[in-house]
N, C-alpha and C. Protein backbone atom coordinates (compact mmCIF):
# COMPACT_ATOMS: atom_id res chain seq x y z
N MET A 1 140.34 70.78 92.22
CA MET A 1 140.71 71.49 93.24
C MET A 1 140.85 70.42 94.36
N ARG A 2 141.78 70.54 95.26
CA ARG A 2 141.92 69.68 96.48
C ARG A 2 142.03 70.63 97.70
N LEU A 3 141.56 69.95 98.80
CA LEU A 3 141.67 70.62 99.96
C LEU A 3 142.67 69.78 100.84
N ILE A 4 143.78 70.44 101.42
CA ILE A 4 144.73 69.67 102.17
C ILE A 4 144.43 70.20 103.75
N LEU A 5 144.08 69.25 104.68
CA LEU A 5 143.88 69.59 106.02
C LEU A 5 145.20 69.05 106.70
N ALA A 6 145.98 69.93 107.31
CA ALA A 6 147.22 69.60 108.00
C ALA A 6 147.19 69.97 109.37
N ILE A 7 147.33 69.00 110.15
CA ILE A 7 147.26 69.14 111.75
C ILE A 7 148.67 69.13 112.26
N ILE A 8 149.09 70.29 112.68
CA ILE A 8 150.54 70.32 113.12
C ILE A 8 150.77 70.87 114.43
N GLN A 9 151.89 70.73 115.07
CA GLN A 9 152.25 71.34 116.33
C GLN A 9 152.42 72.85 116.31
N GLU A 10 151.94 73.51 117.30
CA GLU A 10 152.08 74.93 117.35
C GLU A 10 153.51 75.35 117.00
N ALA A 11 154.52 74.62 117.44
CA ALA A 11 155.78 75.04 117.22
C ALA A 11 156.22 75.10 115.75
N ASP A 12 155.61 74.56 114.91
CA ASP A 12 155.99 74.48 113.49
C ASP A 12 155.18 75.51 112.69
N VAL A 13 154.14 76.06 113.25
CA VAL A 13 153.13 76.93 112.37
C VAL A 13 153.85 78.06 111.87
N LYS A 14 154.59 78.85 112.38
CA LYS A 14 155.24 80.11 111.92
C LYS A 14 156.10 79.87 110.62
N SER A 15 156.95 78.79 110.82
CA SER A 15 157.85 78.40 109.77
C SER A 15 157.08 77.85 108.56
N LEU A 16 156.18 77.08 108.82
CA LEU A 16 155.30 76.32 107.75
C LEU A 16 154.57 77.47 106.95
N LEU A 17 153.84 78.33 107.68
CA LEU A 17 153.10 79.41 107.08
C LEU A 17 153.86 80.26 106.18
N SER A 18 155.23 80.67 106.79
CA SER A 18 156.12 81.62 105.89
C SER A 18 156.45 80.82 104.66
N LYS A 19 156.87 79.66 104.71
CA LYS A 19 157.24 78.90 103.44
C LYS A 19 155.94 78.74 102.37
N LEU A 20 154.76 78.44 102.98
CA LEU A 20 153.70 78.30 102.15
C LEU A 20 153.31 79.79 101.32
N ILE A 21 153.42 80.78 102.12
CA ILE A 21 153.17 82.07 101.52
C ILE A 21 154.27 82.40 100.54
N ASP A 22 155.47 82.02 100.90
CA ASP A 22 156.54 82.43 99.86
C ASP A 22 156.38 81.75 98.45
N LYS A 23 155.76 80.53 98.63
CA LYS A 23 155.40 79.75 97.34
C LYS A 23 154.22 80.10 96.73
N GLY A 24 153.42 81.01 97.35
CA GLY A 24 152.16 81.52 96.79
C GLY A 24 150.89 80.67 97.19
N TYR A 25 150.97 79.98 98.29
CA TYR A 25 149.86 79.22 98.86
C TYR A 25 149.22 80.00 99.73
N LYS A 26 147.97 79.87 99.96
CA LYS A 26 147.08 80.55 100.83
C LYS A 26 146.51 79.52 101.87
N ALA A 27 146.44 79.86 103.15
CA ALA A 27 146.00 78.82 104.13
C ALA A 27 145.13 79.58 105.25
N THR A 28 144.12 78.82 105.61
CA THR A 28 143.22 79.23 106.80
C THR A 28 143.80 78.58 107.93
N LYS A 29 144.09 79.26 109.17
CA LYS A 29 144.76 78.70 110.24
C LYS A 29 143.63 78.53 111.30
N LEU A 30 143.41 77.35 111.92
CA LEU A 30 142.49 77.00 112.89
C LEU A 30 143.20 76.49 114.16
N ALA A 31 142.96 77.14 115.26
CA ALA A 31 143.59 76.59 116.65
C ALA A 31 142.80 75.34 116.87
N SER A 32 143.57 74.21 117.44
CA SER A 32 143.08 73.06 117.88
C SER A 32 143.74 72.35 118.91
N THR A 33 143.23 71.54 119.60
CA THR A 33 143.78 70.80 120.73
C THR A 33 143.77 69.28 120.50
N GLY A 34 144.76 68.58 120.68
CA GLY A 34 144.86 67.19 120.47
C GLY A 34 144.48 66.54 121.78
N GLY A 35 144.01 65.41 121.63
CA GLY A 35 143.59 64.50 122.79
C GLY A 35 144.94 63.93 123.52
N PHE A 36 145.84 63.54 122.75
CA PHE A 36 147.07 62.99 123.37
C PHE A 36 147.80 64.01 124.03
N LEU A 37 148.15 64.18 125.30
CA LEU A 37 148.90 65.04 126.04
C LEU A 37 148.27 66.40 126.02
N LYS A 38 147.04 66.59 125.49
CA LYS A 38 146.33 67.77 125.39
C LYS A 38 147.12 68.87 124.73
N ALA A 39 147.91 68.56 123.70
CA ALA A 39 148.87 69.35 122.98
C ALA A 39 148.09 70.45 122.17
N HIS A 40 148.64 71.51 122.19
CA HIS A 40 147.98 72.68 121.27
C HIS A 40 148.55 72.47 119.94
N ASN A 41 147.68 72.35 119.06
CA ASN A 41 147.91 72.11 117.64
C ASN A 41 147.28 73.26 116.80
N THR A 42 147.56 73.29 115.49
CA THR A 42 147.09 74.11 114.51
C THR A 42 146.59 73.22 113.49
N THR A 43 145.41 73.44 112.80
CA THR A 43 144.87 72.94 111.76
C THR A 43 144.94 73.91 110.67
N LEU A 44 145.66 73.57 109.54
CA LEU A 44 145.72 74.42 108.38
C LEU A 44 144.65 73.93 107.31
N LEU A 45 143.94 74.80 106.64
CA LEU A 45 143.16 74.39 105.61
C LEU A 45 143.76 75.11 104.32
N ILE A 46 144.25 74.21 103.30
CA ILE A 46 145.06 74.78 102.15
C ILE A 46 144.29 74.32 100.93
N GLY A 47 143.63 75.24 100.25
CA GLY A 47 143.15 74.94 98.82
C GLY A 47 144.13 75.01 97.75
N VAL A 48 144.32 73.92 97.17
CA VAL A 48 145.36 73.75 96.02
C VAL A 48 144.72 73.22 94.63
N GLU A 49 145.29 73.64 93.57
CA GLU A 49 144.94 72.85 92.39
C GLU A 49 145.70 71.53 92.36
N GLU A 50 145.11 70.70 91.75
CA GLU A 50 145.60 69.23 91.59
C GLU A 50 147.08 69.09 91.51
N GLU A 51 147.60 70.00 90.48
CA GLU A 51 148.99 69.78 90.03
C GLU A 51 150.04 70.43 91.11
N LYS A 52 149.42 71.11 92.19
CA LYS A 52 150.20 71.81 93.20
C LYS A 52 150.27 70.88 94.55
N VAL A 53 149.52 69.85 94.56
CA VAL A 53 149.36 69.11 95.81
C VAL A 53 150.60 68.58 96.30
N GLU A 54 151.32 67.97 95.44
CA GLU A 54 152.69 67.24 95.78
C GLU A 54 153.73 68.37 96.32
N SER A 55 153.60 69.55 95.77
CA SER A 55 154.72 70.46 96.13
C SER A 55 154.22 71.03 97.55
N ALA A 56 153.00 71.15 97.70
CA ALA A 56 152.49 71.57 98.96
C ALA A 56 152.74 70.60 100.20
N LEU A 57 152.62 69.31 99.84
CA LEU A 57 152.89 68.30 100.76
C LEU A 57 154.38 68.27 101.03
N ARG A 58 155.26 68.46 100.04
CA ARG A 58 156.76 68.53 100.27
C ARG A 58 157.16 69.59 101.33
N ILE A 59 156.58 70.82 101.25
CA ILE A 59 156.71 71.93 102.18
C ILE A 59 156.18 71.49 103.40
N ILE A 60 155.11 70.83 103.67
CA ILE A 60 154.63 70.51 104.96
C ILE A 60 155.71 69.60 105.48
N LYS A 61 156.11 68.44 104.82
CA LYS A 61 157.04 67.58 105.44
C LYS A 61 158.31 68.10 105.77
N GLU A 62 158.78 69.05 104.96
CA GLU A 62 160.12 69.72 105.36
C GLU A 62 159.98 70.55 106.50
N SER A 63 158.78 71.15 106.74
CA SER A 63 158.76 72.18 107.84
C SER A 63 158.22 71.62 109.27
N CYS A 64 157.69 70.41 109.14
CA CYS A 64 156.99 69.94 110.52
C CYS A 64 157.96 68.74 111.04
N ARG A 65 158.77 68.85 111.92
CA ARG A 65 159.58 68.00 112.36
C ARG A 65 159.13 67.28 113.57
N LYS A 66 159.57 65.99 113.72
CA LYS A 66 159.26 65.30 115.00
C LYS A 66 160.22 65.62 115.93
N ARG A 67 159.84 65.58 117.28
CA ARG A 67 160.67 65.99 118.46
C ARG A 67 160.14 65.07 119.66
N THR A 68 161.15 64.89 120.62
CA THR A 68 160.98 64.08 121.87
C THR A 68 160.64 65.04 122.93
N ILE A 69 159.51 64.71 123.59
CA ILE A 69 159.20 65.49 124.87
C ILE A 69 159.20 64.51 126.09
N LEU A 70 159.26 65.14 127.16
CA LEU A 70 159.06 64.37 128.49
C LEU A 70 157.50 64.46 129.00
N ASP A 71 157.08 63.46 129.41
CA ASP A 71 155.55 63.62 129.92
C ASP A 71 155.49 64.41 131.06
N PRO A 72 154.53 65.31 131.01
CA PRO A 72 154.44 66.46 132.06
C PRO A 72 153.92 65.93 133.36
N MET A 73 153.68 64.68 133.61
CA MET A 73 153.27 63.96 134.86
C MET A 73 154.23 64.32 135.84
N PRO A 74 153.73 64.68 137.13
CA PRO A 74 154.77 64.87 138.26
C PRO A 74 155.53 63.66 138.48
N PRO A 75 156.74 63.70 138.94
CA PRO A 75 157.49 62.67 139.29
C PRO A 75 157.15 61.63 140.36
N TYR A 76 156.13 62.27 141.25
CA TYR A 76 155.63 61.28 142.24
C TYR A 76 154.16 61.14 141.96
N SER A 77 153.66 60.00 142.26
CA SER A 77 152.17 59.78 142.20
C SER A 77 151.71 59.15 143.41
N ILE A 78 150.44 59.10 143.62
CA ILE A 78 149.93 58.52 144.96
C ILE A 78 149.35 57.25 144.42
N GLY A 79 149.73 56.08 145.13
CA GLY A 79 149.36 54.81 144.94
C GLY A 79 148.00 54.61 145.42
N ALA A 80 147.46 53.20 145.26
CA ALA A 80 146.10 52.86 145.73
C ALA A 80 145.89 53.09 147.23
N HIS A 81 147.02 52.86 148.01
CA HIS A 81 146.95 52.89 149.46
C HIS A 81 147.47 54.20 150.10
N GLY A 82 147.56 55.26 149.19
CA GLY A 82 148.04 56.47 149.66
C GLY A 82 149.47 56.77 149.79
N GLU A 83 150.15 55.75 149.37
CA GLU A 83 151.63 55.90 149.40
C GLU A 83 152.20 56.64 148.11
N TYR A 84 153.30 57.38 148.27
CA TYR A 84 153.89 58.02 147.08
C TYR A 84 154.66 56.96 146.31
N ILE A 85 154.62 57.00 145.02
CA ILE A 85 155.26 56.24 144.10
C ILE A 85 156.11 57.07 143.12
N HIS A 86 157.45 56.74 143.18
CA HIS A 86 158.21 57.53 142.22
C HIS A 86 158.12 57.09 140.88
N MET A 87 157.76 57.88 139.89
CA MET A 87 157.67 57.38 138.45
C MET A 87 158.80 58.18 137.70
N ASP A 88 159.50 57.39 136.87
CA ASP A 88 160.52 58.03 136.05
C ASP A 88 159.75 58.71 134.94
N PRO A 89 160.34 59.96 134.39
CA PRO A 89 159.69 60.65 133.31
C PRO A 89 159.59 59.66 131.96
N VAL A 90 158.54 59.81 131.30
CA VAL A 90 158.35 59.06 130.03
C VAL A 90 158.55 60.00 128.91
N GLU A 91 159.35 59.61 127.84
CA GLU A 91 159.55 60.25 126.68
C GLU A 91 158.51 59.90 125.56
N TYR A 92 158.12 60.80 124.94
CA TYR A 92 157.19 60.61 123.70
C TYR A 92 157.60 61.37 122.54
N VAL A 93 157.44 60.67 121.35
CA VAL A 93 157.87 61.40 120.08
C VAL A 93 156.52 62.18 119.61
N VAL A 94 156.55 63.52 119.35
CA VAL A 94 155.49 64.31 118.93
C VAL A 94 155.97 65.05 117.74
N GLY A 95 155.00 65.60 117.03
CA GLY A 95 155.36 66.53 116.05
C GLY A 95 155.07 65.76 114.64
N GLY A 96 155.74 66.31 113.67
CA GLY A 96 155.37 65.89 112.18
C GLY A 96 154.06 66.50 111.90
N ALA A 97 153.35 65.87 111.05
CA ALA A 97 152.11 66.45 110.59
C ALA A 97 151.20 65.36 110.27
N THR A 98 149.89 65.50 110.61
CA THR A 98 148.79 64.60 110.13
C THR A 98 148.10 65.36 108.97
N VAL A 99 148.05 64.65 107.75
CA VAL A 99 147.62 65.49 106.82
C VAL A 99 146.52 64.58 105.95
N PHE A 100 145.38 65.27 105.57
CA PHE A 100 144.37 64.77 104.66
C PHE A 100 144.23 65.61 103.53
N VAL A 101 144.17 64.81 102.44
CA VAL A 101 143.89 65.45 101.11
C VAL A 101 142.68 64.99 100.50
N ILE A 102 141.60 65.97 100.43
CA ILE A 102 140.30 65.53 99.79
C ILE A 102 139.98 66.40 98.74
N ASP A 103 139.01 65.79 97.92
CA ASP A 103 138.51 66.46 96.87
C ASP A 103 137.73 67.84 97.26
N ALA A 104 137.83 68.94 96.64
CA ALA A 104 137.02 70.07 97.05
C ALA A 104 136.26 70.56 95.85
N VAL A 105 135.06 71.17 96.04
CA VAL A 105 134.46 71.80 94.92
C VAL A 105 134.51 73.36 95.16
N ASP A 106 134.82 74.08 94.01
CA ASP A 106 134.78 75.54 94.12
C ASP A 106 133.41 76.06 93.67
N TYR A 107 132.64 76.32 94.60
CA TYR A 107 131.23 76.98 94.25
C TYR A 107 131.18 78.35 93.99
N SER A 108 132.41 79.05 94.20
CA SER A 108 132.41 80.61 93.94
C SER A 108 132.37 80.86 92.52
N LYS A 109 132.76 79.88 91.61
CA LYS A 109 132.81 80.07 90.13
C LYS A 109 131.47 80.11 89.66
N ASP A 110 130.49 79.21 90.30
CA ASP A 110 129.22 79.19 90.02
C ASP A 110 128.39 80.36 90.44
N MET A 111 128.83 80.96 91.54
CA MET A 111 128.13 82.12 92.05
C MET A 111 128.42 83.38 91.21
N GLU A 112 129.42 83.41 90.52
CA GLU A 112 129.89 84.62 89.84
C GLU A 112 128.84 84.85 88.47
N GLU A 113 128.33 83.60 88.08
CA GLU A 113 127.49 83.59 86.74
C GLU A 113 126.18 84.32 87.13
């Protein structure tokens, strides 16, 4: 048994969960916030059998796309001496998925005995 932890952008959650459910996967959804740009993310916990890991990863890769956003910083900033400094917006590439695949132990089978 493997556990896939997938950290994805909120914009990709609905599509990804729909595709995972259609293929018979089950996931636990956790709200999370990233440190970079304080972006709202979602962390999915997906328990899968060893032979289904590659299929699940393929679904994640197809569903979570990268996109370009503008820095939400205001166009004017105050300099060291109180003067206003015009700053051009900065573009960042965000999205995709950060994925960890780890071994998992299913203790529920032991509890049934």
